[in-house]
Amino acid sequence: NAQTMGCPVYYCIGNHDLVKGNYGEELYESIYGPTWYSFDVGNVHYVV
């Protein structure tokens, strides 16, 4: 995470992160947030 690594940390969902629940990404969302988002650094628009 940002504190242990000393820089901003971002995550992306994988096929093995879609686990049992009301829907596959439910657990991921409860810990890591949205499965699509964007952020800017310098002149680059980064999209997850």
ModelCIF file with pLDDT and N, C-alpha, C, O atoms, coordinates in Angstrom:
data_MODEL
#
_entry.id   MODEL 
#
_entity.id                         1 
_entity.type                       polymer 
_entity.pdbx_number_of_molecules   1 
#
_entity_poly.entity_id                      1 
_entity_poly.type                           'polypeptide(L)' 
_entity_poly.nstd_linkage                   no 
_entity_poly.nstd_monomer                   no 
_entity_poly.pdbx_seq_one_letter_code       NAQTMGCPVYYCIGNHDLVKGNYGEELYESIYGPTWYSFDVGNVHYVV 
_entity_poly.pdbx_seq_one_letter_code_can   NAQTMGCPVYYCIGNHDLVKGNYGEELYESIYGPTWYSFDVGNVHYVV 
_entity_poly.pdbx_strand_id                 A 
#
loop_
_entity_poly_seq.entity_id 
_entity_poly_seq.num 
_entity_poly_seq.mon_id 
_entity_poly_seq.hetero 
1 1  ASN n 
1 2  ALA n 
1 3  GLN n 
1 4  THR n 
1 5  MET n 
1 6  GLY n 
1 7  CYS n 
1 8  PRO n 
1 9  VAL n 
1 10 TYR n 
1 11 TYR n 
1 12 CYS n 
1 13 ILE n 
1 14 GLY n 
1 15 ASN n 
1 16 HIS n 
1 17 ASP n 
1 18 LEU n 
1 19 VAL n 
1 20 LYS n 
1 21 GLY n 
1 22 ASN n 
1 23 TYR n 
1 24 GLY n 
1 25 GLU n 
1 26 GLU n 
1 27 LEU n 
1 28 TYR n 
1 29 GLU n 
1 30 SER n 
1 31 ILE n 
1 32 TYR n 
1 33 GLY n 
1 34 PRO n 
1 35 THR n 
1 36 TRP n 
1 37 TYR n 
1 38 SER n 
1 39 PHE n 
1 40 ASP n 
1 41 VAL n 
1 42 GLY n 
1 43 ASN n 
1 44 VAL n 
1 45 HIS n 
1 46 TYR n 
1 47 VAL n 
1 48 VAL n 
#
_struct_asym.id          A 
_struct_asym.entity_id   1 
#
loop_
_ma_qa_metric.id 
_ma_qa_metric.mode 
_ma_qa_metric.name 
_ma_qa_metric.software_group_id 
_ma_qa_metric.type 
1 global pLDDT . pLDDT 
2 local  pLDDT . pLDDT 
#
_ma_qa_metric_global.metric_id      1 
_ma_qa_metric_global.metric_value   97.69 
_ma_qa_metric_global.model_id       1 
_ma_qa_metric_global.ordinal_id     1 
#
loop_
_ma_qa_metric_local.label_asym_id 
_ma_qa_metric_local.label_comp_id 
_ma_qa_metric_local.label_seq_id 
_ma_qa_metric_local.metric_id 
_ma_qa_metric_local.metric_value 
_ma_qa_metric_local.model_id 
_ma_qa_metric_local.ordinal_id 
A ASN 1  2 96.00 1 1  
A ALA 2  2 97.00 1 2  
A GLN 3  2 96.00 1 3  
A THR 4  2 96.00 1 4  
A MET 5  2 97.00 1 5  
A GLY 6  2 97.00 1 6  
A CYS 7  2 97.00 1 7  
A PRO 8  2 97.00 1 8  
A VAL 9  2 98.00 1 9  
A TYR 10 2 98.00 1 10 
A TYR 11 2 98.00 1 11 
A CYS 12 2 98.00 1 12 
A ILE 13 2 98.00 1 13 
A GLY 14 2 98.00 1 14 
A ASN 15 2 98.00 1 15 
A HIS 16 2 97.00 1 16 
A ASP 17 2 98.00 1 17 
A LEU 18 2 98.00 1 18 
A VAL 19 2 98.00 1 19 
A LYS 20 2 97.00 1 20 
A GLY 21 2 97.00 1 21 
A ASN 22 2 97.00 1 22 
A TYR 23 2 98.00 1 23 
A GLY 24 2 98.00 1 24 
A GLU 25 2 98.00 1 25 
A GLU 26 2 98.00 1 26 
A LEU 27 2 98.00 1 27 
A TYR 28 2 98.00 1 28 
A GLU 29 2 98.00 1 29 
A SER 30 2 98.00 1 30 
A ILE 31 2 98.00 1 31 
A TYR 32 2 98.00 1 32 
A GLY 33 2 98.00 1 33 
A PRO 34 2 98.00 1 34 
A THR 35 2 98.00 1 35 
A TRP 36 2 98.00 1 36 
A TYR 37 2 98.00 1 37 
A SER 38 2 98.00 1 38 
A PHE 39 2 98.00 1 39 
A ASP 40 2 98.00 1 40 
A VAL 41 2 98.00 1 41 
A GLY 42 2 98.00 1 42 
A ASN 43 2 98.00 1 43 
A VAL 44 2 98.00 1 44 
A HIS 45 2 98.00 1 45 
A TYR 46 2 98.00 1 46 
A VAL 47 2 98.00 1 47 
A VAL 48 2 98.00 1 48 
#
loop_
_atom_site.group_PDB 
_atom_site.id 
_atom_site.type_symbol 
_atom_site.label_atom_id 
_atom_site.label_alt_id 
_atom_site.label_comp_id 
_atom_site.label_asym_id 
_atom_site.label_entity_id 
_atom_site.label_seq_id 
_atom_site.pdbx_PDB_ins_code 
_atom_site.Cartn_x 
_atom_site.Cartn_y 
_atom_site.Cartn_z 
_atom_site.occupancy 
_atom_site.B_iso_or_equiv 
_atom_site.pdbx_formal_charge 
_atom_site.auth_seq_id 
_atom_site.auth_comp_id 
_atom_site.auth_asym_id 
_atom_site.auth_atom_id 
_atom_site.pdbx_PDB_model_num 
ATOM 1   N N  . ASN A 1 1  ? 0.848   -1.188  0.000   1.00 96.00 ? 1  ASN A N  1 
ATOM 2   C CA . ASN A 1 1  ? 0.000   0.000   0.000   1.00 96.00 ? 1  ASN A CA 1 
ATOM 3   C C  . ASN A 1 1  ? 0.885   1.239   0.000   1.00 96.00 ? 1  ASN A C  1 
ATOM 4   O O  . ASN A 1 1  ? 2.110   1.126   0.046   1.00 96.00 ? 1  ASN A O  1 
ATOM 5   N N  . ALA A 1 2  ? 0.281   2.412   -0.051  1.00 97.00 ? 2  ALA A N  1 
ATOM 6   C CA . ALA A 1 2  ? 1.041   3.652   -0.158  1.00 97.00 ? 2  ALA A CA 1 
ATOM 7   C C  . ALA A 1 2  ? 1.988   3.856   1.023   1.00 97.00 ? 2  ALA A C  1 
ATOM 8   O O  . ALA A 1 2  ? 3.088   4.384   0.854   1.00 97.00 ? 2  ALA A O  1 
ATOM 9   N N  . GLN A 1 3  ? 1.565   3.439   2.215   1.00 96.00 ? 3  GLN A N  1 
ATOM 10  C CA . GLN A 1 3  ? 2.385   3.631   3.405   1.00 96.00 ? 3  GLN A CA 1 
ATOM 11  C C  . GLN A 1 3  ? 3.586   2.679   3.414   1.00 96.00 ? 3  GLN A C  1 
ATOM 12  O O  . GLN A 1 3  ? 4.701   3.095   3.728   1.00 96.00 ? 3  GLN A O  1 
ATOM 13  N N  . THR A 1 4  ? 3.367   1.415   3.074   1.00 96.00 ? 4  THR A N  1 
ATOM 14  C CA . THR A 1 4  ? 4.468   0.448   3.111   1.00 96.00 ? 4  THR A CA 1 
ATOM 15  C C  . THR A 1 4  ? 5.424   0.617   1.940   1.00 96.00 ? 4  THR A C  1 
ATOM 16  O O  . THR A 1 4  ? 6.606   0.294   2.056   1.00 96.00 ? 4  THR A O  1 
ATOM 17  N N  . MET A 1 5  ? 4.927   1.120   0.814   1.00 97.00 ? 5  MET A N  1 
ATOM 18  C CA . MET A 1 5  ? 5.751   1.257   -0.380  1.00 97.00 ? 5  MET A CA 1 
ATOM 19  C C  . MET A 1 5  ? 6.356   2.653   -0.544  1.00 97.00 ? 5  MET A C  1 
ATOM 20  O O  . MET A 1 5  ? 7.332   2.824   -1.275  1.00 97.00 ? 5  MET A O  1 
ATOM 21  N N  . GLY A 1 6  ? 5.787   3.635   0.125   1.00 97.00 ? 6  GLY A N  1 
ATOM 22  C CA . GLY A 1 6  ? 6.344   4.977   0.035   1.00 97.00 ? 6  GLY A CA 1 
ATOM 23  C C  . GLY A 1 6  ? 6.000   5.700   -1.253  1.00 97.00 ? 6  GLY A C  1 
ATOM 24  O O  . GLY A 1 6  ? 6.698   6.637   -1.640  1.00 97.00 ? 6  GLY A O  1 
ATOM 25  N N  . CYS A 1 7  ? 4.924   5.276   -1.931  1.00 97.00 ? 7  CYS A N  1 
ATOM 26  C CA . CYS A 1 7  ? 4.443   5.955   -3.138  1.00 97.00 ? 7  CYS A CA 1 
ATOM 27  C C  . CYS A 1 7  ? 2.988   5.560   -3.341  1.00 97.00 ? 7  CYS A C  1 
ATOM 28  O O  . CYS A 1 7  ? 2.541   4.575   -2.753  1.00 97.00 ? 7  CYS A O  1 
ATOM 29  N N  . PRO A 1 8  ? 2.232   6.299   -4.159  1.00 97.00 ? 8  PRO A N  1 
ATOM 30  C CA . PRO A 1 8  ? 0.847   5.895   -4.444  1.00 97.00 ? 8  PRO A CA 1 
ATOM 31  C C  . PRO A 1 8  ? 0.801   4.485   -5.033  1.00 97.00 ? 8  PRO A C  1 
ATOM 32  O O  . PRO A 1 8  ? 1.638   4.121   -5.858  1.00 97.00 ? 8  PRO A O  1 
ATOM 33  N N  . VAL A 1 9  ? -0.184  3.698   -4.601  1.00 98.00 ? 9  VAL A N  1 
ATOM 34  C CA . VAL A 1 9  ? -0.340  2.324   -5.075  1.00 98.00 ? 9  VAL A CA 1 
ATOM 35  C C  . VAL A 1 9  ? -1.740  2.142   -5.650  1.00 98.00 ? 9  VAL A C  1 
ATOM 36  O O  . VAL A 1 9  ? -2.734  2.499   -5.018  1.00 98.00 ? 9  VAL A O  1 
ATOM 37  N N  . TYR A 1 10 ? -1.807  1.577   -6.866  1.00 98.00 ? 10 TYR A N  1 
ATOM 38  C CA . TYR A 1 10 ? -3.077  1.330   -7.533  1.00 98.00 ? 10 TYR A CA 1 
ATOM 39  C C  . TYR A 1 10 ? -3.211  -0.162  -7.827  1.00 98.00 ? 10 TYR A C  1 
ATOM 40  O O  . TYR A 1 10 ? -2.221  -0.870  -8.010  1.00 98.00 ? 10 TYR A O  1 
ATOM 41  N N  . TYR A 1 11 ? -4.462  -0.619  -7.866  1.00 98.00 ? 11 TYR A N  1 
ATOM 42  C CA . TYR A 1 11 ? -4.751  -2.032  -8.130  1.00 98.00 ? 11 TYR A CA 1 
ATOM 43  C C  . TYR A 1 11 ? -5.718  -2.175  -9.300  1.00 98.00 ? 11 TYR A C  1 
ATOM 44  O O  . TYR A 1 11 ? -6.474  -1.262  -9.632  1.00 98.00 ? 11 TYR A O  1 
ATOM 45  N N  . CYS A 1 12 ? -5.663  -3.364  -9.914  1.00 98.00 ? 12 CYS A N  1 
ATOM 46  C CA . CYS A 1 12 ? -6.517  -3.729  -11.044 1.00 98.00 ? 12 CYS A CA 1 
ATOM 47  C C  . CYS A 1 12 ? -7.050  -5.131  -10.765 1.00 98.00 ? 12 CYS A C  1 
ATOM 48  O O  . CYS A 1 12 ? -6.331  -5.949  -10.190 1.00 98.00 ? 12 CYS A O  1 
ATOM 49  N N  . ILE A 1 13 ? -8.276  -5.429  -11.150 1.00 98.00 ? 13 ILE A N  1 
ATOM 50  C CA . ILE A 1 13 ? -8.872  -6.733  -10.851 1.00 98.00 ? 13 ILE A CA 1 
ATOM 51  C C  . ILE A 1 13 ? -8.474  -7.780  -11.889 1.00 98.00 ? 13 ILE A C  1 
ATOM 52  O O  . ILE A 1 13 ? -8.446  -7.499  -13.088 1.00 98.00 ? 13 ILE A O  1 
ATOM 53  N N  . GLY A 1 14 ? -8.165  -9.005  -11.412 1.00 98.00 ? 14 GLY A N  1 
ATOM 54  C CA . GLY A 1 14 ? -7.799  -10.104 -12.295 1.00 98.00 ? 14 GLY A CA 1 
ATOM 55  C C  . GLY A 1 14 ? -8.861  -11.188 -12.327 1.00 98.00 ? 14 GLY A C  1 
ATOM 56  O O  . GLY A 1 14 ? -9.830  -11.132 -11.568 1.00 98.00 ? 14 GLY A O  1 
ATOM 57  N N  . ASN A 1 15 ? -8.690  -12.166 -13.190 1.00 98.00 ? 15 ASN A N  1 
ATOM 58  C CA . ASN A 1 15 ? -9.694  -13.227 -13.316 1.00 98.00 ? 15 ASN A CA 1 
ATOM 59  C C  . ASN A 1 15 ? -9.822  -14.055 -12.040 1.00 98.00 ? 15 ASN A C  1 
ATOM 60  O O  . ASN A 1 15 ? -10.914 -14.527 -11.723 1.00 98.00 ? 15 ASN A O  1 
ATOM 61  N N  . HIS A 1 16 ? -8.712  -14.241 -11.295 1.00 97.00 ? 16 HIS A N  1 
ATOM 62  C CA . HIS A 1 16 ? -8.771  -14.988 -10.042 1.00 97.00 ? 16 HIS A CA 1 
ATOM 63  C C  . HIS A 1 16 ? -9.176  -14.113 -8.854  1.00 97.00 ? 16 HIS A C  1 
ATOM 64  O O  . HIS A 1 16 ? -9.222  -14.583 -7.717  1.00 97.00 ? 16 HIS A O  1 
ATOM 65  N N  . ASP A 1 17 ? -9.466  -12.844 -9.124  1.00 98.00 ? 17 ASP A N  1 
ATOM 66  C CA . ASP A 1 17 ? -9.965  -11.937 -8.080  1.00 98.00 ? 17 ASP A CA 1 
ATOM 67  C C  . ASP A 1 17 ? -11.486 -11.836 -8.128  1.00 98.00 ? 17 ASP A C  1 
ATOM 68  O O  . ASP A 1 17 ? -12.103 -11.154 -7.309  1.00 98.00 ? 17 ASP A O  1 
ATOM 69  N N  . LEU A 1 18 ? -12.079 -12.525 -9.097  1.00 98.00 ? 18 LEU A N  1 
ATOM 70  C CA . LEU A 1 18 ? -13.538 -12.612 -9.192  1.00 98.00 ? 18 LEU A CA 1 
ATOM 71  C C  . LEU A 1 18 ? -13.956 -13.873 -8.427  1.00 98.00 ? 18 LEU A C  1 
ATOM 72  O O  . LEU A 1 18 ? -13.919 -14.985 -8.953  1.00 98.00 ? 18 LEU A O  1 
ATOM 73  N N  . VAL A 1 19 ? -14.353 -13.660 -7.168  1.00 98.00 ? 19 VAL A N  1 
ATOM 74  C CA . VAL A 1 19 ? -14.598 -14.788 -6.266  1.00 98.00 ? 19 VAL A CA 1 
ATOM 75  C C  . VAL A 1 19 ? -16.084 -14.893 -5.930  1.00 98.00 ? 19 VAL A C  1 
ATOM 76  O O  . VAL A 1 19 ? -16.880 -14.051 -6.344  1.00 98.00 ? 19 VAL A O  1 
ATOM 77  N N  . LYS A 1 20 ? -16.451 -15.928 -5.179  1.00 97.00 ? 20 LYS A N  1 
ATOM 78  C CA . LYS A 1 20 ? -17.845 -16.163 -4.847  1.00 97.00 ? 20 LYS A CA 1 
ATOM 79  C C  . LYS A 1 20 ? -18.411 -15.036 -3.988  1.00 97.00 ? 20 LYS A C  1 
ATOM 80  O O  . LYS A 1 20 ? -17.728 -14.504 -3.113  1.00 97.00 ? 20 LYS A O  1 
ATOM 81  N N  . GLY A 1 21 ? -19.670 -14.679 -4.252  1.00 97.00 ? 21 GLY A N  1 
ATOM 82  C CA . GLY A 1 21 ? -20.356 -13.621 -3.537  1.00 97.00 ? 21 GLY A CA 1 
ATOM 83  C C  . GLY A 1 21 ? -21.636 -13.293 -4.279  1.00 97.00 ? 21 GLY A C  1 
ATOM 84  O O  . GLY A 1 21 ? -22.076 -14.061 -5.136  1.00 97.00 ? 21 GLY A O  1 
ATOM 85  N N  . ASN A 1 22 ? -22.233 -12.167 -3.959  1.00 97.00 ? 22 ASN A N  1 
ATOM 86  C CA . ASN A 1 22 ? -23.415 -11.736 -4.711  1.00 97.00 ? 22 ASN A CA 1 
ATOM 87  C C  . ASN A 1 22 ? -23.068 -11.483 -6.174  1.00 97.00 ? 22 ASN A C  1 
ATOM 88  O O  . ASN A 1 22 ? -23.912 -11.635 -7.058  1.00 97.00 ? 22 ASN A O  1 
ATOM 89  N N  . TYR A 1 23 ? -21.819 -11.097 -6.421  1.00 98.00 ? 23 TYR A N  1 
ATOM 90  C CA . TYR A 1 23 ? -21.268 -10.950 -7.769  1.00 98.00 ? 23 TYR A CA 1 
ATOM 91  C C  . TYR A 1 23 ? -19.754 -11.077 -7.637  1.00 98.00 ? 23 TYR A C  1 
ATOM 92  O O  . TYR A 1 23 ? -19.205 -10.903 -6.549  1.00 98.00 ? 23 TYR A O  1 
ATOM 93  N N  . GLY A 1 24 ? -19.089 -11.376 -8.734  1.00 98.00 ? 24 GLY A N  1 
ATOM 94  C CA . GLY A 1 24 ? -17.681 -11.747 -8.682  1.00 98.00 ? 24 GLY A CA 1 
ATOM 95  C C  . GLY A 1 24 ? -16.750 -10.725 -8.075  1.00 98.00 ? 24 GLY A C  1 
ATOM 96  O O  . GLY A 1 24 ? -15.796 -11.086 -7.385  1.00 98.00 ? 24 GLY A O  1 
ATOM 97  N N  . GLU A 1 25 ? -17.010 -9.450  -8.320  1.00 98.00 ? 25 GLU A N  1 
ATOM 98  C CA . GLU A 1 25 ? -16.099 -8.395  -7.858  1.00 98.00 ? 25 GLU A CA 1 
ATOM 99  C C  . GLU A 1 25 ? -16.474 -7.838  -6.484  1.00 98.00 ? 25 GLU A C  1 
ATOM 100 O O  . GLU A 1 25 ? -15.874 -6.861  -6.035  1.00 98.00 ? 25 GLU A O  1 
ATOM 101 N N  . GLU A 1 26 ? -17.451 -8.440  -5.813  1.00 98.00 ? 26 GLU A N  1 
ATOM 102 C CA . GLU A 1 26 ? -17.949 -7.888  -4.542  1.00 98.00 ? 26 GLU A CA 1 
ATOM 103 C C  . GLU A 1 26 ? -16.840 -7.775  -3.486  1.00 98.00 ? 26 GLU A C  1 
ATOM 104 O O  . GLU A 1 26 ? -16.691 -6.717  -2.873  1.00 98.00 ? 26 GLU A O  1 
ATOM 105 N N  . LEU A 1 27 ? -16.076 -8.822  -3.265  1.00 98.00 ? 27 LEU A N  1 
ATOM 106 C CA . LEU A 1 27 ? -15.019 -8.784  -2.254  1.00 98.00 ? 27 LEU A CA 1 
ATOM 107 C C  . LEU A 1 27 ? -13.929 -7.797  -2.656  1.00 98.00 ? 27 LEU A C  1 
ATOM 108 O O  . LEU A 1 27 ? -13.455 -7.020  -1.828  1.00 98.00 ? 27 LEU A O  1 
ATOM 109 N N  . TYR A 1 28 ? -13.534 -7.828  -3.926  1.00 98.00 ? 28 TYR A N  1 
ATOM 110 C CA . TYR A 1 28 ? -12.523 -6.885  -4.421  1.00 98.00 ? 28 TYR A CA 1 
ATOM 111 C C  . TYR A 1 28 ? -12.956 -5.445  -4.141  1.00 98.00 ? 28 TYR A C  1 
ATOM 112 O O  . TYR A 1 28 ? -12.173 -4.648  -3.623  1.00 98.00 ? 28 TYR A O  1 
ATOM 113 N N  . GLU A 1 29 ? -14.183 -5.119  -4.477  1.00 98.00 ? 29 GLU A N  1 
ATOM 114 C CA . GLU A 1 29 ? -14.680 -3.752  -4.282  1.00 98.00 ? 29 GLU A CA 1 
ATOM 115 C C  . GLU A 1 29 ? -14.676 -3.349  -2.813  1.00 98.00 ? 29 GLU A C  1 
ATOM 116 O O  . GLU A 1 29 ? -14.399 -2.194  -2.492  1.00 98.00 ? 29 GLU A O  1 
ATOM 117 N N  . SER A 1 30 ? -14.979 -4.286  -1.919  1.00 98.00 ? 30 SER A N  1 
ATOM 118 C CA . SER A 1 30 ? -15.042 -3.966  -0.494  1.00 98.00 ? 30 SER A CA 1 
ATOM 119 C C  . SER A 1 30 ? -13.673 -3.610  0.077   1.00 98.00 ? 30 SER A C  1 
ATOM 120 O O  . SER A 1 30 ? -13.579 -2.975  1.127   1.00 98.00 ? 30 SER A O  1 
ATOM 121 N N  . ILE A 1 31 ? -12.608 -4.023  -0.620  1.00 98.00 ? 31 ILE A N  1 
ATOM 122 C CA . ILE A 1 31 ? -11.247 -3.773  -0.133  1.00 98.00 ? 31 ILE A CA 1 
ATOM 123 C C  . ILE A 1 31 ? -10.507 -2.757  -0.992  1.00 98.00 ? 31 ILE A C  1 
ATOM 124 O O  . ILE A 1 31 ? -9.820  -1.882  -0.465  1.00 98.00 ? 31 ILE A O  1 
ATOM 125 N N  . TYR A 1 32 ? -10.643 -2.868  -2.321  1.00 98.00 ? 32 TYR A N  1 
ATOM 126 C CA . TYR A 1 32 ? -9.828  -2.082  -3.241  1.00 98.00 ? 32 TYR A CA 1 
ATOM 127 C C  . TYR A 1 32 ? -10.601 -0.998  -3.988  1.00 98.00 ? 32 TYR A C  1 
ATOM 128 O O  . TYR A 1 32 ? -9.996  -0.171  -4.671  1.00 98.00 ? 32 TYR A O  1 
ATOM 129 N N  . GLY A 1 33 ? -11.931 -0.992  -3.868  1.00 98.00 ? 33 GLY A N  1 
ATOM 130 C CA . GLY A 1 33 ? -12.720 0.055   -4.493  1.00 98.00 ? 33 GLY A CA 1 
ATOM 131 C C  . GLY A 1 33 ? -13.148 -0.255  -5.912  1.00 98.00 ? 33 GLY A C  1 
ATOM 132 O O  . GLY A 1 33 ? -13.299 -1.424  -6.266  1.00 98.00 ? 33 GLY A O  1 
ATOM 133 N N  . PRO A 1 34 ? -13.346 0.765   -6.734  1.00 98.00 ? 34 PRO A N  1 
ATOM 134 C CA . PRO A 1 34 ? -13.896 0.567   -8.080  1.00 98.00 ? 34 PRO A CA 1 
ATOM 135 C C  . PRO A 1 34 ? -12.964 -0.238  -8.973  1.00 98.00 ? 34 PRO A C  1 
ATOM 136 O O  . PRO A 1 34 ? -11.744 -0.199  -8.812  1.00 98.00 ? 34 PRO A O  1 
ATOM 137 N N  . THR A 1 35 ? -13.546 -0.963  -9.911  1.00 98.00 ? 35 THR A N  1 
ATOM 138 C CA . THR A 1 35 ? -12.759 -1.781  -10.839 1.00 98.00 ? 35 THR A CA 1 
ATOM 139 C C  . THR A 1 35 ? -12.372 -1.007  -12.095 1.00 98.00 ? 35 THR A C  1 
ATOM 140 O O  . THR A 1 35 ? -11.571 -1.491  -12.894 1.00 98.00 ? 35 THR A O  1 
ATOM 141 N N  . TRP A 1 36 ? -12.925 0.180   -12.278 1.00 98.00 ? 36 TRP A N  1 
ATOM 142 C CA . TRP A 1 36 ? -12.441 1.065   -13.348 1.00 98.00 ? 36 TRP A CA 1 
ATOM 143 C C  . TRP A 1 36 ? -12.355 2.485   -12.829 1.00 98.00 ? 36 TRP A C  1 
ATOM 144 O O  . TRP A 1 36 ? -13.243 2.970   -12.127 1.00 98.00 ? 36 TRP A O  1 
ATOM 145 N N  . TYR A 1 37 ? -11.254 3.144   -13.195 1.00 98.00 ? 37 TYR A N  1 
ATOM 146 C CA . TYR A 1 37 ? -10.990 4.502   -12.718 1.00 98.00 ? 37 TYR A CA 1 
ATOM 147 C C  . TYR A 1 37 ? -9.799  5.057   -13.493 1.00 98.00 ? 37 TYR A C  1 
ATOM 148 O O  . TYR A 1 37 ? -9.202  4.344   -14.300 1.00 98.00 ? 37 TYR A O  1 
ATOM 149 N N  . SER A 1 38 ? -9.454  6.295   -13.262 1.00 98.00 ? 38 SER A N  1 
ATOM 150 C CA . SER A 1 38 ? -8.315  6.906   -13.944 1.00 98.00 ? 38 SER A CA 1 
ATOM 151 C C  . SER A 1 38 ? -7.580  7.845   -12.998 1.00 98.00 ? 38 SER A C  1 
ATOM 152 O O  . SER A 1 38 ? -8.110  8.241   -11.960 1.00 98.00 ? 38 SER A O  1 
ATOM 153 N N  . PHE A 1 39 ? -6.350  8.195   -13.372 1.00 98.00 ? 39 PHE A N  1 
ATOM 154 C CA . PHE A 1 39 ? -5.556  9.170   -12.623 1.00 98.00 ? 39 PHE A CA 1 
ATOM 155 C C  . PHE A 1 39 ? -4.534  9.780   -13.570 1.00 98.00 ? 39 PHE A C  1 
ATOM 156 O O  . PHE A 1 39 ? -4.182  9.171   -14.581 1.00 98.00 ? 39 PHE A O  1 
ATOM 157 N N  . ASP A 1 40 ? -4.057  10.972  -13.254 1.00 98.00 ? 40 ASP A N  1 
ATOM 158 C CA . ASP A 1 40 ? -3.113  11.693  -14.106 1.00 98.00 ? 40 ASP A CA 1 
ATOM 159 C C  . ASP A 1 40 ? -1.770  11.856  -13.410 1.00 98.00 ? 40 ASP A C  1 
ATOM 160 O O  . ASP A 1 40 ? -1.704  12.142  -12.214 1.00 98.00 ? 40 ASP A O  1 
ATOM 161 N N  . VAL A 1 41 ? -0.709  11.671  -14.169 1.00 98.00 ? 41 VAL A N  1 
ATOM 162 C CA . VAL A 1 41 ? 0.648   11.965  -13.713 1.00 98.00 ? 41 VAL A CA 1 
ATOM 163 C C  . VAL A 1 41 ? 1.370   12.640  -14.873 1.00 98.00 ? 41 VAL A C  1 
ATOM 164 O O  . VAL A 1 41 ? 1.349   12.139  -15.998 1.00 98.00 ? 41 VAL A O  1 
ATOM 165 N N  . GLY A 1 42 ? 2.010   13.782  -14.599 1.00 98.00 ? 42 GLY A N  1 
ATOM 166 C CA . GLY A 1 42 ? 2.651   14.515  -15.678 1.00 98.00 ? 42 GLY A CA 1 
ATOM 167 C C  . GLY A 1 42 ? 1.647   14.851  -16.762 1.00 98.00 ? 42 GLY A C  1 
ATOM 168 O O  . GLY A 1 42 ? 0.601   15.439  -16.487 1.00 98.00 ? 42 GLY A O  1 
ATOM 169 N N  . ASN A 1 43 ? 1.963   14.478  -17.995 1.00 98.00 ? 43 ASN A N  1 
ATOM 170 C CA . ASN A 1 43 ? 1.045   14.726  -19.109 1.00 98.00 ? 43 ASN A CA 1 
ATOM 171 C C  . ASN A 1 43 ? 0.354   13.440  -19.557 1.00 98.00 ? 43 ASN A C  1 
ATOM 172 O O  . ASN A 1 43 ? -0.158  13.367  -20.674 1.00 98.00 ? 43 ASN A O  1 
ATOM 173 N N  . VAL A 1 44 ? 0.336   12.434  -18.696 1.00 98.00 ? 44 VAL A N  1 
ATOM 174 C CA . VAL A 1 44 ? -0.245  11.140  -19.060 1.00 98.00 ? 44 VAL A CA 1 
ATOM 175 C C  . VAL A 1 44 ? -1.532  10.896  -18.280 1.00 98.00 ? 44 VAL A C  1 
ATOM 176 O O  . VAL A 1 44 ? -1.596  11.103  -17.068 1.00 98.00 ? 44 VAL A O  1 
ATOM 177 N N  . HIS A 1 45 ? -2.550  10.454  -19.004 1.00 98.00 ? 45 HIS A N  1 
ATOM 178 C CA . HIS A 1 45 ? -3.815  10.033  -18.415 1.00 98.00 ? 45 HIS A CA 1 
ATOM 179 C C  . HIS A 1 45 ? -3.778  8.515   -18.319 1.00 98.00 ? 45 HIS A C  1 
ATOM 180 O O  . HIS A 1 45 ? -3.800  7.827   -19.340 1.00 98.00 ? 45 HIS A O  1 
ATOM 181 N N  . TYR A 1 46 ? -3.722  7.992   -17.103 1.00 98.00 ? 46 TYR A N  1 
ATOM 182 C CA . TYR A 1 46 ? -3.665  6.557   -16.867 1.00 98.00 ? 46 TYR A CA 1 
ATOM 183 C C  . TYR A 1 46 ? -5.067  6.032   -16.583 1.00 98.00 ? 46 TYR A C  1 
ATOM 184 O O  . TYR A 1 46 ? -5.793  6.592   -15.762 1.00 98.00 ? 46 TYR A O  1 
ATOM 185 N N  . VAL A 1 47 ? -5.442  4.954   -17.265 1.00 98.00 ? 47 VAL A N  1 
ATOM 186 C CA . VAL A 1 47 ? -6.789  4.389   -17.140 1.00 98.00 ? 47 VAL A CA 1 
ATOM 187 C C  . VAL A 1 47 ? -6.700  2.921   -16.733 1.00 98.00 ? 47 VAL A C  1 
ATOM 188 O O  . VAL A 1 47 ? -6.004  2.135   -17.375 1.00 98.00 ? 47 VAL A O  1 
ATOM 189 N N  . VAL A 1 48 ? -7.402  2.559   -15.673 1.00 98.00 ? 48 VAL A N  1 
ATOM 190 C CA . VAL A 1 48 ? -7.480  1.181   -15.199 1.00 98.00 ? 48 VAL A CA 1 
ATOM 191 C C  . VAL A 1 48 ? -8.833  0.601   -15.610 1.00 98.00 ? 48 VAL A C  1 
ATOM 192 O O  . VAL A 1 48 ? -9.123  -0.559  -15.315 1.00 98.00 ? 48 VAL A O  1 
#
